[in-house]
Protein backbone atom coordinates (compact mmCIF):
# COMPACT_ATOMS: atom_id res chain seq x y z
CA UNK A 1 0.00 0.00 0.00
CA UNK A 2 2.77 2.44 0.91
CA UNK A 3 4.58 1.76 -2.36
CA UNK A 4 1.45 2.64 -4.34
CA UNK A 5 1.00 5.88 -2.45
CA UNK A 6 4.71 6.61 -2.86
CA UNK A 7 4.56 6.13 -6.62
CA UNK A 8 1.48 8.35 -6.80
CA UNK A 9 3.30 11.07 -4.84
CA UNK A 10 6.28 10.84 -7.20
CA UNK A 11 4.01 11.26 -10.22
CA UNK A 12 2.13 14.16 -8.61
CA UNK A 13 5.44 15.78 -7.68
CA UNK A 14 6.75 15.53 -11.23
CA UNK A 15 3.53 17.04 -12.62
CA UNK A 16 3.69 19.94 -10.14
CA UNK A 17 7.34 20.64 -10.99
CA UNK A 18 6.50 20.69 -14.71
CA UNK A 19 3.64 23.12 -14.07
CA UNK A 20 5.99 25.23 -11.93
CA UNK A 21 8.57 25.38 -14.69
CA UNK A 22 5.89 26.41 -17.17
CA UNK A 23 4.60 29.05 -14.73
CA UNK A 24 8.11 30.45 -14.32
CA UNK A 25 8.19 31.14 -18.06
CA UNK A 26 4.88 33.03 -17.97
CA UNK A 27 4.52 36.75 -18.55
CA UNK A 28 3.34 37.46 -15.00
CA UNK A 29 6.35 35.70 -13.53
CA UNK A 30 8.60 37.72 -15.84
CA UNK A 31 7.05 41.00 -14.69
CA UNK A 32 7.35 39.90 -11.07
CA UNK A 33 11.03 39.07 -11.62
CA UNK A 34 11.64 42.55 -13.07
CA UNK A 35 10.22 44.37 -10.04
CA UNK A 36 11.01 42.02 -7.15
CA UNK A 37 13.82 39.83 -8.46
CA UNK A 38 11.80 36.69 -7.66
CA UNK A 39 9.16 34.67 -9.51
CA UNK A 40 5.52 34.73 -8.42
CA UNK A 41 4.34 32.92 -5.30
CA UNK A 42 2.36 30.46 -7.41
CA UNK A 43 5.53 29.40 -9.21
CA UNK A 44 7.42 28.94 -5.97
CA UNK A 45 4.63 26.90 -4.37
CA UNK A 46 4.34 24.66 -7.42
CA UNK A 47 8.08 24.02 -7.53
CA UNK A 48 8.51 23.50 -3.79
CA UNK A 49 5.36 21.41 -3.43
CA UNK A 50 6.33 19.25 -6.38
CA UNK A 51 9.86 18.69 -5.12
CA UNK A 52 8.62 17.89 -1.62
CA UNK A 53 5.99 15.50 -2.91
CA UNK A 54 8.51 13.70 -5.11
CA UNK A 55 10.99 13.36 -2.23
CA UNK A 56 8.36 12.00 0.17
CA UNK A 57 7.13 9.63 -2.53
CA UNK A 58 10.65 8.38 -3.21
CA UNK A 59 11.26 7.75 0.48
CA UNK A 60 7.97 5.87 0.78
CA UNK A 61 8.65 3.83 -2.34
CA UNK A 62 12.26 2.86 -1.78
CA UNK A 63 12.35 2.50 2.01
CA UNK A 64 12.45 -1.09 3.23
CA UNK A 65 9.08 -2.13 4.59
CA UNK A 66 10.47 -3.80 7.71
CA UNK A 67 8.24 -6.84 7.28
CA UNK A 68 9.88 -10.24 7.47
C-alpha cells in the first residue's frame, strides 16, 4: 500500500514541478522578476510542493518495509 502511495506522490510531484517550470516562463512571472527579483508565489509553491511531494514519494517507495 505504501509503495502505491509513494509512486502516486512521485508522479504528482513531477507534474507539479512541470507546471511550476511552465509558470516560471509566464509573462506574469517575468514581470514579477523585473520588479522584485523573484518569480511569483504560485511558481514557488508549485516548484517546492512538487519537489517535496517527489521526495516523500521516493522515500515511501524505496524505504524497506520492515516486514519479514
